Protein backbone atom coordinates (compact mmCIF):
# COMPACT_ATOMS: atom_id res chain seq x y z
CA MET A 1 -31.66 19.64 -94.34
CA ASN A 2 -31.59 19.17 -90.60
CA THR A 3 -33.48 22.41 -90.12
CA LYS A 4 -36.21 21.32 -92.49
CA LYS A 5 -36.62 18.01 -90.69
CA LEU A 6 -36.70 19.81 -87.36
CA ARG A 7 -39.48 22.07 -88.60
CA LEU A 8 -41.49 19.09 -89.77
CA VAL A 9 -41.19 17.54 -86.31
CA LEU A 10 -41.86 20.68 -84.29
CA LEU A 11 -44.83 21.95 -86.29
CA PRO A 12 -47.19 19.08 -85.32
CA LEU A 13 -46.05 19.33 -81.73
CA ILE A 14 -46.77 23.04 -81.66
CA LEU A 15 -50.20 22.51 -83.21
CA LEU A 16 -50.96 19.72 -80.73
CA ALA A 17 -49.90 21.93 -77.84
CA ALA A 18 -52.07 24.79 -79.10
CA VAL A 19 -55.10 22.51 -79.38
CA ALA A 20 -54.48 21.10 -75.91
CA ALA A 21 -54.17 24.60 -74.46
CA ALA A 22 -57.36 25.71 -76.19
CA VAL A 23 -59.24 22.69 -74.86
CA PHE A 24 -57.85 23.30 -71.39
CA PHE A 25 -58.85 26.95 -71.30
CA TRP A 26 -62.28 26.20 -72.85
CA ARG A 27 -63.00 23.57 -70.23
CA ARG A 28 -61.81 25.87 -67.47
CA GLU A 29 -64.02 28.67 -68.80
CA HIS A 30 -67.11 26.51 -69.19
CA ALA A 31 -66.72 24.20 -66.27
CA ALA A 32 -69.33 24.70 -63.59
CA PRO A 33 -67.79 26.27 -60.49
CA ALA A 34 -68.24 24.44 -57.22
CA HIS A 35 -70.31 27.32 -55.84
CA ARG A 36 -72.72 27.36 -58.76
CA LEU A 37 -75.27 24.84 -60.00
CA THR A 38 -76.46 24.97 -63.60
CA LEU A 39 -79.68 23.22 -64.63
CA TYR A 40 -81.48 22.95 -67.94
CA GLY A 41 -85.16 22.76 -68.74
CA ASN A 42 -88.16 24.39 -70.36
CA ILE A 43 -90.68 27.06 -69.43
CA ASP A 44 -94.01 25.70 -68.24
CA ILE A 45 -97.30 27.44 -67.44
CA ARG A 46 -100.83 26.52 -66.44
CA GLU A 47 -103.68 26.50 -68.93
CA VAL A 48 -107.40 26.80 -68.27
CA GLN A 49 -110.16 25.43 -70.48
CA LEU A 50 -112.90 28.10 -70.45
CA ALA A 51 -116.42 26.69 -70.84
CA PHE A 52 -119.93 27.93 -70.12
CA ASN A 53 -121.73 26.64 -67.05
CA ALA A 54 -124.88 26.50 -69.19
CA SER A 55 -126.02 25.08 -72.52
CA GLY A 56 -127.10 27.09 -75.51
CA ARG A 57 -126.10 28.68 -78.79
CA ILE A 58 -123.14 31.06 -78.72
CA GLN A 59 -124.29 34.59 -79.45
CA SER A 60 -120.94 36.41 -79.46
CA LEU A 61 -117.21 35.96 -78.79
CA ALA A 62 -115.21 38.96 -77.62
CA VAL A 63 -111.59 37.79 -78.04
CA ARG A 64 -109.46 35.71 -80.38
CA GLU A 65 -106.12 33.88 -80.32
CA GLY A 66 -103.28 35.97 -78.97
CA ASP A 67 -105.45 38.50 -77.13
CA ALA A 68 -104.37 39.33 -73.60
CA VAL A 69 -107.22 39.37 -71.10
CA LYS A 70 -107.54 40.51 -67.53
CA ALA A 71 -109.32 38.59 -64.80
CA GLY A 72 -113.06 39.24 -64.93
CA ARG A 73 -113.22 40.30 -68.58
CA LEU A 74 -116.28 39.18 -70.57
CA VAL A 75 -115.05 36.87 -73.31
CA ALA A 76 -118.20 35.18 -74.64
CA ARG A 77 -121.99 35.18 -74.35
CA LEU A 78 -124.78 32.68 -75.03
CA ASP A 79 -128.24 33.54 -76.40
CA PRO A 80 -130.02 34.49 -73.12
CA VAL A 81 -133.67 34.52 -74.28
CA ARG A 82 -134.70 31.16 -72.76
CA TYR A 83 -133.00 31.94 -69.48
CA ALA A 84 -134.53 35.45 -69.30
CA ASP A 85 -138.00 33.93 -69.78
CA ALA A 86 -137.31 31.45 -66.99
CA VAL A 87 -136.40 34.34 -64.69
CA ALA A 88 -139.67 36.15 -65.53
CA GLN A 89 -141.68 32.98 -64.88
CA ALA A 90 -139.98 32.35 -61.54
CA ARG A 91 -140.49 35.99 -60.54
CA SER A 92 -144.25 35.72 -61.25
CA ARG A 93 -144.57 32.53 -59.21
CA LEU A 94 -142.78 34.16 -56.33
CA ALA A 95 -145.08 37.18 -56.42
CA ALA A 96 -148.20 34.95 -56.46
CA GLN A 97 -147.02 32.86 -53.53
CA ALA A 98 -146.11 35.99 -51.59
CA GLN A 99 -149.73 37.12 -51.92
CA VAL A 100 -150.97 33.73 -50.71
CA LEU A 101 -148.80 33.95 -47.61
CA ALA A 102 -149.83 37.55 -46.95
CA ARG A 103 -153.51 36.55 -47.13
CA LEU A 104 -153.02 33.72 -44.65
CA GLU A 105 -150.98 35.85 -42.26
CA ALA A 106 -153.60 38.64 -42.35
CA GLY A 107 -156.32 36.21 -41.22
CA SER A 108 -160.05 36.65 -41.81
CA ARG A 109 -161.36 40.05 -42.85
CA PRO A 110 -163.98 41.73 -40.64
CA GLU A 111 -166.52 41.36 -43.44
CA GLU A 112 -165.93 37.58 -43.54
CA ILE A 113 -166.46 37.32 -39.77
CA ALA A 114 -169.64 39.41 -40.00
CA GLN A 115 -170.91 37.22 -42.82
CA ALA A 116 -170.24 34.04 -40.79
CA ARG A 117 -172.01 35.57 -37.79
CA ALA A 118 -175.05 36.51 -39.92
CA GLN A 119 -175.23 33.00 -41.36
CA ALA A 120 -175.14 31.56 -37.83
CA ALA A 121 -177.98 33.89 -36.81
CA ALA A 122 -180.03 32.82 -39.84
CA ALA A 123 -179.44 29.19 -38.92
CA GLN A 124 -180.63 29.93 -35.37
CA ALA A 125 -183.82 31.52 -36.70
CA ALA A 126 -184.41 28.53 -38.97
CA LEU A 127 -183.96 26.23 -35.99
CA ASP A 128 -186.45 28.21 -33.90
CA ASN A 129 -188.98 27.97 -36.70
CA ALA A 130 -188.39 24.24 -37.12
CA GLU A 131 -188.92 23.65 -33.41
CA ALA A 132 -192.22 25.58 -33.44
CA THR A 133 -193.39 23.70 -36.51
CA TYR A 134 -192.59 20.37 -34.92
CA ARG A 135 -194.48 21.21 -31.76
CA ARG A 136 -197.58 22.21 -33.78
CA GLN A 137 -197.43 19.06 -35.84
CA VAL A 138 -197.25 16.90 -32.71
CA SER A 139 -200.25 18.69 -31.17
CA LEU A 140 -202.30 18.30 -34.33
CA ALA A 141 -201.35 14.66 -34.65
CA GLN A 142 -202.64 13.99 -31.13
CA GLN A 143 -206.03 15.38 -32.25
CA ASP A 144 -205.89 13.34 -35.48
CA PHE A 145 -205.83 16.48 -37.64
CA VAL A 146 -202.55 15.48 -39.42
CA SER A 147 -201.02 12.19 -40.38
CA PRO A 148 -198.01 10.68 -38.59
CA GLN A 149 -195.99 11.36 -41.78
CA ALA A 150 -196.36 15.08 -41.22
CA VAL A 151 -194.92 14.68 -37.74
CA ASP A 152 -191.97 12.73 -39.12
CA ASN A 153 -191.29 15.43 -41.73
CA ALA A 154 -191.32 18.13 -39.06
CA ALA A 155 -188.92 16.08 -36.93
CA ALA A 156 -186.53 15.66 -39.88
CA ALA A 157 -186.63 19.39 -40.61
CA LEU A 158 -185.86 20.12 -36.97
CA LYS A 159 -182.88 17.79 -37.03
CA GLY A 160 -181.53 19.41 -40.21
CA ALA A 161 -181.93 22.91 -38.73
CA ARG A 162 -179.93 21.90 -35.66
CA ALA A 163 -177.13 20.47 -37.84
CA GLU A 164 -177.08 23.60 -39.99
CA LEU A 165 -176.79 25.80 -36.91
CA ALA A 166 -173.88 23.71 -35.59
CA ALA A 167 -172.09 24.03 -38.94
CA ARG A 168 -172.62 27.78 -39.08
CA ARG A 169 -171.29 28.19 -35.55
CA GLN A 170 -168.16 26.21 -36.43
CA ALA A 171 -167.65 28.35 -39.53
CA LEU A 172 -167.95 31.46 -37.37
CA ALA A 173 -165.37 30.10 -34.93
CA LEU A 174 -162.93 29.34 -37.79
CA ALA A 175 -163.41 32.80 -39.24
CA VAL A 176 -162.65 34.37 -35.86
CA LYS A 177 -159.52 32.22 -35.31
CA GLY A 178 -158.19 32.67 -38.84
CA PRO A 179 -155.97 30.24 -40.84
CA ARG A 180 -154.15 27.40 -39.12
CA LYS A 181 -150.50 27.83 -38.17
CA GLU A 182 -149.61 24.78 -40.25
CA ASP A 183 -151.16 26.35 -43.35
CA ILE A 184 -149.16 29.53 -42.81
CA ASP A 185 -145.93 27.55 -42.34
CA ALA A 186 -146.62 25.56 -45.52
CA ALA A 187 -147.25 28.75 -47.49
CA ARG A 188 -144.05 30.28 -46.09
CA ALA A 189 -142.04 27.19 -47.11
CA ALA A 190 -143.53 27.35 -50.60
CA LEU A 191 -142.51 31.01 -50.78
CA GLU A 192 -138.92 30.12 -49.86
CA ALA A 193 -138.91 27.42 -52.54
CA ASP A 194 -140.11 29.94 -55.13
CA ARG A 195 -137.48 32.41 -53.97
CA ALA A 196 -134.76 29.77 -54.39
CA ALA A 197 -136.13 28.93 -57.85
CA LEU A 198 -135.87 32.60 -58.83
CA ALA A 199 -132.29 32.78 -57.55
CA LEU A 200 -131.42 29.66 -59.55
CA ALA A 201 -133.01 31.09 -62.69
CA ARG A 202 -131.02 34.31 -62.25
CA ARG A 203 -127.83 32.30 -61.74
CA GLU A 204 -128.49 30.35 -64.93
CA LEU A 205 -129.10 33.62 -66.78
CA ALA A 206 -125.80 34.97 -65.46
CA ASP A 207 -124.07 31.78 -66.63
CA THR A 208 -124.82 32.76 -70.21
CA SER A 209 -121.89 35.18 -69.88
CA LEU A 210 -118.36 33.74 -69.77
CA TYR A 211 -115.64 35.68 -67.93
CA ALA A 212 -111.89 35.14 -67.73
CA PRO A 213 -111.07 33.65 -64.31
CA ALA A 214 -107.52 35.03 -64.33
CA SER A 215 -105.18 37.16 -66.40
CA GLY A 216 -103.55 35.48 -69.36
CA VAL A 217 -103.40 35.10 -73.13
CA ILE A 218 -105.97 33.35 -75.31
CA ASP A 219 -104.09 30.36 -76.68
CA ASP A 220 -106.89 28.73 -78.68
CA ARG A 221 -110.41 29.72 -79.78
CA ILE A 222 -112.25 26.43 -80.13
CA LEU A 223 -115.87 27.41 -80.88
CA GLU A 224 -117.42 30.17 -82.97
CA PRO A 225 -120.67 32.20 -82.83
CA GLY A 226 -123.58 29.98 -83.75
CA ASP A 227 -122.03 26.83 -82.28
CA MET A 228 -123.84 24.98 -79.51
CA ALA A 229 -121.97 25.14 -76.22
CA ASN A 230 -122.27 23.14 -73.01
CA PRO A 231 -120.24 22.72 -69.81
CA GLN A 232 -118.34 19.78 -71.32
CA THR A 233 -117.17 21.71 -74.41
CA PRO A 234 -114.46 24.38 -73.92
CA VAL A 235 -114.77 27.64 -75.81
CA TYR A 236 -111.23 28.94 -75.23
CA THR A 237 -107.89 27.75 -73.93
CA LEU A 238 -106.40 30.43 -71.65
CA ALA A 239 -102.68 30.41 -70.93
CA LEU A 240 -102.21 31.97 -67.50
CA SER A 241 -99.59 34.69 -67.25
CA ASN A 242 -98.86 33.86 -63.63
CA PRO A 243 -97.31 31.71 -62.36
CA VAL A 244 -94.58 30.92 -64.88
CA TRP A 245 -91.87 28.44 -63.99
CA ALA A 246 -88.94 26.57 -65.47
CA ARG A 247 -89.30 22.80 -65.29
CA VAL A 248 -85.78 21.53 -64.64
CA TYR A 249 -84.24 18.28 -63.44
CA VAL A 250 -81.74 18.13 -60.59
CA PRO A 251 -79.15 15.32 -60.74
CA GLU A 252 -79.11 13.02 -57.74
CA THR A 253 -75.56 14.12 -56.93
CA ALA A 254 -76.70 17.76 -56.57
CA LEU A 255 -79.96 17.07 -54.71
CA GLY A 256 -78.44 17.79 -51.30
CA ARG A 257 -77.50 21.32 -52.40
CA VAL A 258 -80.96 22.31 -53.61
CA ARG A 259 -83.91 23.29 -51.44
CA PRO A 260 -87.18 25.19 -51.98
CA GLY A 261 -86.86 28.94 -51.61
CA MET A 262 -83.38 29.30 -53.08
CA ARG A 263 -82.83 32.21 -55.45
CA ALA A 264 -82.05 31.45 -59.08
CA ASP A 265 -81.34 33.17 -62.39
CA ILE A 266 -83.07 32.10 -65.59
CA ALA A 267 -81.58 32.72 -69.04
CA ASN A 268 -82.86 32.10 -72.55
CA ASP A 269 -81.15 32.38 -75.93
CA SER A 270 -83.86 34.75 -77.17
CA PHE A 271 -82.65 37.39 -74.69
CA PRO A 272 -78.84 37.34 -74.69
CA GLY A 273 -77.33 38.79 -71.55
CA ARG A 274 -80.67 39.09 -69.77
CA ARG A 275 -81.35 37.27 -66.51
CA PHE A 276 -84.82 36.66 -65.10
CA ARG A 277 -85.13 36.49 -61.33
CA GLY A 278 -86.57 33.31 -59.91
CA TRP A 279 -86.72 30.97 -56.95
CA ILE A 280 -87.09 27.25 -56.41
CA GLY A 281 -90.67 26.52 -55.45
CA TYR A 282 -90.82 22.74 -55.58
CA VAL A 283 -88.52 19.72 -55.67
CA SER A 284 -90.07 16.35 -56.43
CA PRO A 285 -89.77 13.69 -53.70
CA THR A 286 -89.47 10.91 -56.27
CA ALA A 287 -86.73 10.17 -58.79
CA GLU A 288 -87.13 9.60 -62.52
CA PHE A 289 -85.00 9.17 -65.62
CA THR A 290 -83.85 12.30 -67.40
CA PRO A 291 -86.31 13.25 -70.18
CA LYS A 292 -84.83 13.20 -73.68
CA THR A 293 -85.76 16.85 -74.24
CA VAL A 294 -83.45 17.99 -71.42
CA GLU A 295 -79.74 18.13 -72.11
CA THR A 296 -77.34 17.96 -69.17
CA PRO A 297 -73.66 17.11 -68.96
CA GLU A 298 -74.54 14.04 -66.90
CA LEU A 299 -75.40 10.67 -68.37
CA ARG A 300 -79.00 10.29 -69.48
CA THR A 301 -79.37 7.05 -67.55
CA GLN A 302 -78.76 8.85 -64.27
CA LEU A 303 -81.75 9.44 -62.01
CA VAL A 304 -82.89 13.05 -61.57
CA TYR A 305 -85.54 14.92 -59.55
CA GLN A 306 -87.94 17.33 -61.17
CA ALA A 307 -87.96 20.87 -59.78
CA ARG A 308 -89.92 24.03 -60.45
CA VAL A 309 -88.08 27.33 -60.58
CA TYR A 310 -90.69 30.09 -60.54
CA ALA A 311 -89.81 33.09 -62.69
CA CYS A 312 -90.50 36.78 -62.57
CA ASN A 313 -92.04 37.43 -65.98
CA PRO A 314 -93.73 40.86 -65.81
CA GLU A 315 -93.45 41.53 -69.56
CA GLY A 316 -94.53 38.04 -70.67
CA ALA A 317 -91.14 37.40 -72.28
CA LEU A 318 -90.91 33.80 -71.10
CA ARG A 319 -93.34 31.59 -72.98
CA LEU A 320 -94.48 28.00 -72.86
CA GLY A 321 -91.84 25.50 -74.04
CA MET A 322 -88.88 27.89 -74.16
CA PRO A 323 -85.57 26.13 -73.37
CA VAL A 324 -83.86 27.89 -70.48
CA THR A 325 -80.72 27.66 -68.39
CA VAL A 326 -81.17 28.00 -64.65
CA THR A 327 -78.21 29.09 -62.55
CA ILE A 328 -78.27 28.74 -58.76
CA SER A 329 -75.59 30.48 -56.73
CA LEU A 330 -74.95 28.16 -53.80
CA ARG A 331 -72.71 30.72 -52.09
CA ALA A 332 -75.34 33.51 -52.21
CA ASN A 333 -78.10 31.21 -51.02
CA ALA A 334 -76.02 29.87 -48.17
CA SER A 335 -75.58 33.19 -46.36
CA GLY A 336 -78.00 35.59 -47.97
CA PRO A 337 -81.36 36.80 -46.64
CA ALA A 338 -84.61 34.97 -47.29
CA PRO A 339 -85.42 35.13 -50.98
CA GLU A 340 -88.26 37.13 -52.40
CA THR A 341 -91.14 35.03 -53.66
CA ASP A 342 -92.81 37.67 -55.81
CA CYS A 343 -91.91 39.86 -58.74
CA ARG A 344 -92.52 43.29 -57.29
CA PRO A 345 -89.69 45.75 -57.83
């Protein structure tokens, strides 16, 4: 009877001791060592909204959601007909203005100078004839053979001949000197304006093609062929493959042990046993409350500082929103060499 009672007393004690030992060893196994800092967060990346720098109807799209693209790849094209016509028009205007400038810079042709000289000679002959006629009319008027009106007509003709000769001589002088410098400069400026207009038209034609600005993965295809596009309407959302970082939150009590450049390991449940190399690239200078999506052993009301832990992700394994665990070895970072800040082997 005494043995049975003793067993009933000892059994709960043994079970309680076993539970206490299990809790002790579990806590010792999972407790964060003093030389290691464990942080929790999510993978974050940058996204780019790809849009045309021109307006028009989409002619073709080359990629769809999930496609990986390299920087510089053609991903979409607008109907280029209007822009090609504008280029042809600007090219014609440039060619015409180039001919105008060439004509002014070449000056008067020898035939034009010879023509002006001949016209001046004809005006001189007409003046000589007008002078002779006037003298005869004056002589006849003195003998009362002609009326005073005839003398006045001869005088007017003489005056007109002199004016015509002066005009022809000025035209000859202008033909010899050629165009004015100001006219040539104005024509040259107009040529530069037409050249700039052609360059702009070519640029607008080139803008009908949309290229990936960086390597990444197409996250969303917003428009389709036949849709009207403009610079304010994105066509794709591109998730950049680099850089990739873990957005974590450092407790205020651990802030003094964290600095930019420290090496770190990044783990995710999707890849058991695998560690991704990383380094701390940024620690926020301002405090904030812990976001609800981040779970840490500390109280949620405690202030934390956001940090970015850049990750080496050559195979694209880490993706946007993945929960990750970041481990920072304080001992290795205290005495080790300067960390690598790239993902080259």
